[in-house]
C-alpha atoms as a PDB file:
ATOM      1  CA  MET A   1      21.832  74.638 -35.563  1.00  0.00           C
ATOM      2  CA  SER A   2      25.550  74.081 -36.278  1.00  0.00           C
ATOM      3  CA  TYR A   3      26.688  71.466 -38.761  1.00  0.00           C
ATOM      4  CA  ARG A   4      27.839  68.202 -37.201  1.00  0.00           C
ATOM      5  CA  TYR A   5      30.555  66.113 -38.825  1.00  0.00           C
ATOM      6  CA  SER A   6      30.299  62.354 -39.007  1.00  0.00           C
ATOM      7  CA  PRO A   7      32.006  60.594 -36.056  1.00  0.00           C
ATOM      8  CA  ALA A   8      35.006  59.512 -38.170  1.00  0.00           C
ATOM      9  CA  ILE A   9      35.617  63.036 -39.544  1.00  0.00           C
ATOM     10  CA  ALA A  10      35.139  64.597 -36.096  1.00  0.00           C
ATOM     11  CA  LYS A  11      37.658  62.105 -34.650  1.00  0.00           C
ATOM     12  CA  LEU A  12      40.202  62.995 -37.360  1.00  0.00           C
ATOM     13  CA  ILE A  13      39.730  66.743 -36.783  1.00  0.00           C
ATOM     14  CA  ASN A  14      40.140  66.286 -33.016  1.00  0.00           C
ATOM     15  CA  ALA A  15      43.319  64.251 -33.557  1.00  0.00           C
ATOM     16  CA  PHE A  16      44.866  67.042 -35.653  1.00  0.00           C
ATOM     17  CA  ALA A  17      43.708  69.683 -33.161  1.00  0.00           C
ATOM     18  CA  LYS A  18      45.808  68.017 -30.443  1.00  0.00           C
ATOM     19  CA  LEU A  19      49.020  68.821 -32.352  1.00  0.00           C
ATOM     20  CA  PRO A  20      50.961  71.890 -31.114  1.00  0.00           C
ATOM     21  CA  GLY A  21      50.173  75.085 -33.013  1.00  0.00           C
ATOM     22  CA  ILE A  22      47.136  73.574 -34.750  1.00  0.00           C
ATOM     23  CA  GLY A  23      43.825  75.320 -34.104  1.00  0.00           C
ATOM     24  CA  LYS A  24      40.343  74.054 -34.882  1.00  0.00           C
ATOM     25  CA  LYS A  25      40.190  75.604 -38.384  1.00  0.00           C
ATOM     26  CA  THR A  26      43.629  74.308 -39.385  1.00  0.00           C
ATOM     27  CA  ALA A  27      42.671  70.872 -38.019  1.00  0.00           C
ATOM     28  CA  GLN A  28      39.554  70.918 -40.222  1.00  0.00           C
ATOM     29  CA  ARG A  29      41.614  71.920 -43.285  1.00  0.00           C
ATOM     30  CA  LEU A  30      44.127  69.133 -42.649  1.00  0.00           C
ATOM     31  CA  ALA A  31      41.381  66.555 -42.129  1.00  0.00           C
ATOM     32  CA  PHE A  32      39.606  67.486 -45.365  1.00  0.00           C
ATOM     33  CA  HIS A  33      42.913  67.573 -47.233  1.00  0.00           C
ATOM     34  CA  ILE A  34      43.600  64.015 -46.102  1.00  0.00           C
ATOM     35  CA  LEU A  35      40.112  62.906 -47.139  1.00  0.00           C
ATOM     36  CA  ASP A  36      40.313  64.726 -50.508  1.00  0.00           C
ATOM     37  CA  ASP A  37      43.757  63.258 -51.244  1.00  0.00           C
ATOM     38  CA  LYS A  38      44.366  59.882 -52.867  1.00  0.00           C
ATOM     39  CA  LYS A  39      43.544  57.108 -50.427  1.00  0.00           C
ATOM     40  CA  GLU A  40      47.015  55.571 -50.960  1.00  0.00           C
ATOM     41  CA  ASP A  41      48.700  58.835 -49.883  1.00  0.00           C
ATOM     42  CA  ALA A  42      46.566  59.076 -46.763  1.00  0.00           C
ATOM     43  CA  LEU A  43      47.286  55.442 -45.864  1.00  0.00           C
ATOM     44  CA  ALA A  44      51.011  55.987 -46.539  1.00  0.00           C
ATOM     45  CA  LEU A  45      50.961  58.865 -44.038  1.00  0.00           C
ATOM     46  CA  ALA A  46      49.199  56.649 -41.494  1.00  0.00           C
ATOM     47  CA  ASP A  47      51.785  53.897 -42.080  1.00  0.00           C
ATOM     48  CA  ALA A  48      54.670  56.375 -41.666  1.00  0.00           C
ATOM     49  CA  ILE A  49      53.225  57.562 -38.330  1.00  0.00           C
ATOM     50  CA  ARG A  50      52.648  53.989 -37.172  1.00  0.00           C
ATOM     51  CA  GLU A  51      56.168  52.908 -38.210  1.00  0.00           C
ATOM     52  CA  ALA A  52      57.808  55.914 -36.494  1.00  0.00           C
ATOM     53  CA  CYS A  53      55.879  55.258 -33.276  1.00  0.00           C
ATOM     54  CA  ALA A  54      56.882  51.582 -33.368  1.00  0.00           C
ATOM     55  CA  SER A  55      60.573  51.944 -34.258  1.00  0.00           C
ATOM     56  CA  VAL A  56      61.761  55.277 -32.807  1.00  0.00           C
ATOM     57  CA  ARG A  57      62.943  55.202 -29.190  1.00  0.00           C
ATOM     58  CA  LEU A  58      65.317  57.076 -26.900  1.00  0.00           C
ATOM     59  CA  CYS A  59      69.049  56.531 -27.207  1.00  0.00           C
ATOM     60  CA  SER A  60      70.206  54.834 -23.994  1.00  0.00           C
ATOM     61  CA  VAL A  61      73.248  57.149 -23.898  1.00  0.00           C
ATOM     62  CA  CYS A  62      72.102  60.674 -24.865  1.00  0.00           C
ATOM     63  CA  CYS A  63      68.271  60.312 -24.793  1.00  0.00           C
ATOM     64  CA  ASN A  64      67.927  61.592 -28.380  1.00  0.00           C
ATOM     65  CA  LEU A  65      65.357  59.988 -30.680  1.00  0.00           C
ATOM     66  CA  THR A  66      66.795  57.072 -32.637  1.00  0.00           C
ATOM     67  CA  GLU A  67      65.942  53.831 -34.373  1.00  0.00           C
ATOM     68  CA  GLU A  68      69.273  52.222 -33.460  1.00  0.00           C
ATOM     69  CA  ASP A  69      70.622  52.199 -29.931  1.00  0.00           C
ATOM     70  CA  PRO A  70      73.013  53.888 -29.359  1.00  0.00           C
ATOM     71  CA  CYS A  71      72.234  56.631 -31.894  1.00  0.00           C
ATOM     72  CA  ASP A  72      74.468  57.598 -34.852  1.00  0.00           C
ATOM     73  CA  ILE A  73      76.096  60.487 -32.969  1.00  0.00           C
ATOM     74  CA  CYS A  74      76.914  58.429 -29.864  1.00  0.00           C
ATOM     75  CA  ARG A  75      78.322  55.604 -32.057  1.00  0.00           C
ATOM     76  CA  SER A  76      80.415  57.889 -34.256  1.00  0.00           C
ATOM     77  CA  ALA A  77      84.194  57.513 -33.886  1.00  0.00           C
ATOM     78  CA  THR A  78      84.758  61.045 -35.252  1.00  0.00           C
ATOM     79  CA  ARG A  79      82.912  62.943 -32.498  1.00  0.00           C
ATOM     80  CA  ASP A  80      84.750  64.779 -29.709  1.00  0.00           C
ATOM     81  CA  ARG A  81      83.976  62.642 -26.643  1.00  0.00           C
ATOM     82  CA  THR A  82      85.307  65.213 -24.173  1.00  0.00           C
ATOM     83  CA  ARG A  83      82.343  67.584 -24.651  1.00  0.00           C
ATOM     84  CA  ILE A  84      78.609  67.191 -24.102  1.00  0.00           C
ATOM     85  CA  CYS A  85      76.084  69.799 -25.218  1.00  0.00           C
ATOM     86  CA  ILE A  86      72.891  69.755 -23.151  1.00  0.00           C
ATOM     87  CA  VAL A  87      69.714  70.675 -25.056  1.00  0.00           C
ATOM     88  CA  GLU A  88      66.020  70.707 -24.214  1.00  0.00           C
ATOM     89  CA  ASN A  89      64.631  68.515 -26.998  1.00  0.00           C
ATOM     90  CA  PRO A  90      65.590  66.491 -30.103  1.00  0.00           C
ATOM     91  CA  ARG A  91      64.742  69.454 -32.387  1.00  0.00           C
ATOM     92  CA  ASP A  92      67.605  71.349 -30.745  1.00  0.00           C
ATOM     93  CA  VAL A  93      70.059  68.594 -31.723  1.00  0.00           C
ATOM     94  CA  ALA A  94      68.925  68.967 -35.347  1.00  0.00           C
ATOM     95  CA  ALA A  95      69.406  72.761 -35.123  1.00  0.00           C
ATOM     96  CA  MET A  96      72.929  72.410 -33.675  1.00  0.00           C
ATOM     97  CA  GLU A  97      73.910  69.856 -36.312  1.00  0.00           C
ATOM     98  CA  ARG A  98      72.857  72.218 -39.120  1.00  0.00           C
ATOM     99  CA  ILE A  99      75.594  74.733 -38.250  1.00  0.00           C
ATOM    100  CA  HIS A 100      78.430  72.143 -38.465  1.00  0.00           C
ATOM    101  CA  ASP A 101      80.464  74.035 -35.814  1.00  0.00           C
ATOM    102  CA  TYR A 102      80.003  71.542 -33.013  1.00  0.00           C
ATOM    103  CA  ARG A 103      81.495  68.045 -33.191  1.00  0.00           C
ATOM    104  CA  GLY A 104      80.966  66.849 -29.626  1.00  0.00           C
ATOM    105  CA  LEU A 105      78.206  64.742 -28.093  1.00  0.00           C
ATOM    106  CA  TYR A 106      74.728  65.689 -26.824  1.00  0.00           C
ATOM    107  CA  HIS A 107      72.396  65.058 -23.947  1.00  0.00           C
ATOM    108  CA  VAL A 108      68.663  65.678 -24.467  1.00  0.00           C
ATOM    109  CA  LEU A 109      66.676  66.674 -21.374  1.00  0.00           C
ATOM    110  CA  HIS A 110      63.195  66.312 -22.925  1.00  0.00           C
ATOM    111  CA  GLY A 111      61.972  69.419 -21.149  1.00  0.00           C
ATOM    112  CA  VAL A 112      63.027  72.007 -18.594  1.00  0.00           C
ATOM    113  CA  ILE A 113      62.496  72.468 -14.887  1.00  0.00           C
ATOM    114  CA  SER A 114      59.314  74.491 -14.387  1.00  0.00           C
ATOM    115  CA  PRO A 115      57.784  74.584 -10.894  1.00  0.00           C
ATOM    116  CA  MET A 116      54.784  76.527 -12.275  1.00  0.00           C
ATOM    117  CA  HIS A 117      53.944  73.500 -14.441  1.00  0.00           C
ATOM    118  CA  ASP A 118      54.882  70.941 -11.757  1.00  0.00           C
ATOM    119  CA  ILE A 119      57.976  69.837 -13.703  1.00  0.00           C
ATOM    120  CA  GLY A 120      60.846  69.110 -11.349  1.00  0.00           C
ATOM    121  CA  PRO A 121      64.418  67.836 -11.914  1.00  0.00           C
ATOM    122  CA  GLU A 122      63.150  64.251 -11.688  1.00  0.00           C
ATOM    123  CA  ASP A 123      60.802  64.859 -14.658  1.00  0.00           C
ATOM    124  CA  VAL A 124      63.599  65.586 -17.148  1.00  0.00           C
ATOM    125  CA  LYS A 125      66.571  63.406 -18.147  1.00  0.00           C
ATOM    126  CA  LEU A 126      68.978  64.710 -15.488  1.00  0.00           C
ATOM    127  CA  ARG A 127      69.526  61.416 -13.677  1.00  0.00           C
ATOM    128  CA  GLU A 128      70.649  59.869 -16.974  1.00  0.00           C
ATOM    129  CA  LEU A 129      73.122  62.730 -17.455  1.00  0.00           C
ATOM    130  CA  PHE A 130      74.792  62.236 -14.077  1.00  0.00           C
ATOM    131  CA  VAL A 131      74.954  58.451 -14.520  1.00  0.00           C
ATOM    132  CA  ARG A 132      76.686  59.147 -17.825  1.00  0.00           C
ATOM    133  CA  LEU A 133      79.164  61.546 -16.229  1.00  0.00           C
ATOM    134  CA  ARG A 134      80.025  58.997 -13.532  1.00  0.00           C
ATOM    135  CA  ASN A 135      80.734  56.345 -16.185  1.00  0.00           C
ATOM    136  CA  HIS A 136      82.802  58.565 -18.527  1.00  0.00           C
ATOM    137  CA  ASP A 137      85.690  60.387 -16.881  1.00  0.00           C
ATOM    138  CA  GLU A 138      86.971  61.644 -20.260  1.00  0.00           C
ATOM    139  CA  ILE A 139      84.324  64.407 -20.295  1.00  0.00           C
ATOM    140  CA  GLU A 140      86.012  67.807 -19.840  1.00  0.00           C
ATOM    141  CA  GLU A 141      83.256  70.276 -20.759  1.00  0.00           C
ATOM    142  CA  ILE A 142      79.489  70.545 -20.434  1.00  0.00           C
ATOM    143  CA  ILE A 143      77.887  73.116 -22.751  1.00  0.00           C
ATOM    144  CA  LEU A 144      74.494  74.324 -21.530  1.00  0.00           C
ATOM    145  CA  ALA A 145      72.348  75.100 -24.587  1.00  0.00           C
ATOM    146  CA  THR A 146      68.888  75.395 -23.068  1.00  0.00           C
ATOM    147  CA  ASN A 147      66.633  78.093 -24.533  1.00  0.00           C
ATOM    148  CA  PRO A 148      66.868  81.699 -23.247  1.00  0.00           C
ATOM    149  CA  THR A 149      63.566  81.479 -21.380  1.00  0.00           C
ATOM    150  CA  ILE A 150      62.996  81.770 -17.628  1.00  0.00           C
ATOM    151  CA  GLU A 151      62.686  77.972 -17.404  1.00  0.00           C
ATOM    152  CA  GLY A 152      65.681  77.381 -19.683  1.00  0.00           C
ATOM    153  CA  GLU A 153      67.851  79.750 -17.639  1.00  0.00           C
ATOM    154  CA  ALA A 154      66.706  78.194 -14.347  1.00  0.00           C
ATOM    155  CA  THR A 155      67.469  74.696 -15.673  1.00  0.00           C
ATOM    156  CA  ALA A 156      70.934  75.763 -16.862  1.00  0.00           C
ATOM    157  CA  LEU A 157      71.729  77.336 -13.465  1.00  0.00           C
ATOM    158  CA  TYR A 158      70.469  74.243 -11.644  1.00  0.00           C
ATOM    159  CA  ILE A 159      72.677  71.934 -13.735  1.00  0.00           C
ATOM    160  CA  ALA A 160      75.694  74.257 -13.374  1.00  0.00           C
ATOM    161  CA  ARG A 161      75.271  74.235  -9.584  1.00  0.00           C
ATOM    162  CA  LEU A 162      75.127  70.420  -9.498  1.00  0.00           C
ATOM    163  CA  LEU A 163      78.203  70.166 -11.737  1.00  0.00           C
ATOM    164  CA  LYS A 164      80.360  72.586  -9.719  1.00  0.00           C
ATOM    165  CA  PRO A 165      81.778  69.966  -7.296  1.00  0.00           C
ATOM    166  CA  SER A 166      82.759  67.695 -10.230  1.00  0.00           C
ATOM    167  CA  GLY A 167      85.343  70.155 -11.565  1.00  0.00           C
ATOM    168  CA  ILE A 168      84.035  69.681 -15.120  1.00  0.00           C
ATOM    169  CA  ARG A 169      84.199  72.937 -17.094  1.00  0.00           C
ATOM    170  CA  THR A 170      80.654  74.233 -17.561  1.00  0.00           C
ATOM    171  CA  THR A 171      79.835  76.822 -20.243  1.00  0.00           C
ATOM    172  CA  ARG A 172      76.633  78.467 -21.486  1.00  0.00           C
ATOM    173  CA  ILE A 173      75.988  79.315 -25.137  1.00  0.00           C
ATOM    174  CA  ALA A 174      75.859  83.065 -25.797  1.00  0.00           C
ATOM    175  CA  HIS A 175      72.534  84.780 -26.444  1.00  0.00           C
ATOM    176  CA  GLY A 176      72.117  88.187 -28.001  1.00  0.00           C
ATOM    177  CA  ILE A 177      70.656  90.186 -30.877  1.00  0.00           C
ATOM    178  CA  PRO A 178      69.771  87.985 -33.871  1.00  0.00           C
ATOM    179  CA  MET A 179      71.085  88.867 -37.351  1.00  0.00           C
ATOM    180  CA  GLY A 180      68.849  91.385 -39.108  1.00  0.00           C
ATOM    181  CA  ALA A 181      67.050  92.470 -35.919  1.00  0.00           C
ATOM    182  CA  ALA A 182      66.699  96.097 -34.844  1.00  0.00           C
ATOM    183  CA  LEU A 183      67.858  97.099 -31.346  1.00  0.00           C
ATOM    184  CA  GLU A 184      64.630  98.977 -30.652  1.00  0.00           C
ATOM    185  CA  TYR A 185      62.649  95.721 -30.786  1.00  0.00           C
ATOM    186  CA  ALA A 186      64.953  93.750 -28.492  1.00  0.00           C
ATOM    187  CA  ASP A 187      63.806  93.127 -24.931  1.00  0.00           C
ATOM    188  CA  GLU A 188      65.922  94.100 -21.910  1.00  0.00           C
ATOM    189  CA  VAL A 189      67.132  90.548 -21.190  1.00  0.00           C
ATOM    190  CA  THR A 190      68.304  90.054 -24.789  1.00  0.00           C
ATOM    191  CA  LEU A 191      70.113  93.411 -24.814  1.00  0.00           C
ATOM    192  CA  SER A 192      71.716  92.646 -21.467  1.00  0.00           C
ATOM    193  CA  ARG A 193      72.911  89.265 -22.764  1.00  0.00           C
ATOM    194  CA  ALA A 194      74.274  90.880 -25.905  1.00  0.00           C
ATOM    195  CA  PHE A 195      76.360  93.294 -23.801  1.00  0.00           C
ATOM    196  CA  GLN A 196      77.572  90.566 -21.455  1.00  0.00           C
ATOM    197  CA  ASN A 197      78.689  88.392 -24.369  1.00  0.00           C
ATOM    198  CA  ARG A 198      80.300  91.126 -26.467  1.00  0.00           C
ATOM    199  CA  GLN A 199      83.572  90.220 -28.168  1.00  0.00           C
ATOM    200  CA  GLU A 200      86.642  92.131 -29.242  1.00  0.00           C
ATOM    201  CA  VAL A 201      86.850  92.986 -32.958  1.00  0.00           C
END
């Protein structure tokens, strides 16, 4: 007969198991770590989660996560307001900001178009993007920075097709071989992209 946890412990394990990338064993480890830790630390974690859920919302301009609306990037007077970089999720904004090469604005889709998963254009933040473009005629370039997956590529192509009549310059970030990677391990799509986006040296 297998060991049964108390209802409270089982509930905590199940809550952790719902997180992406967390399996049953990792969920158990996390639950017991929380219970073995100081009660104040565990309650502080619970308070931080509760506070984030209560105060974080979507920016009404770019749909990024923020506590103040509009967000810091949309409010900033130093950003280039002629360019918008379209990304799939808020984590992508954080990744782009780490490189310090881009000083324009963002638009977060919160997903990609995926017919296989019943996710259509109306299920991501595309309507908000086109409302934004109608209200801001200073925008000169849209940079498509969706991930190099089948869904990411399809979403980028869909957006590019919708933007064509507007005359706004539409670009796609380059994808290729990552630093330190060996060619023999690269898939055909990555190699093809690397050749297409080659540059003169």
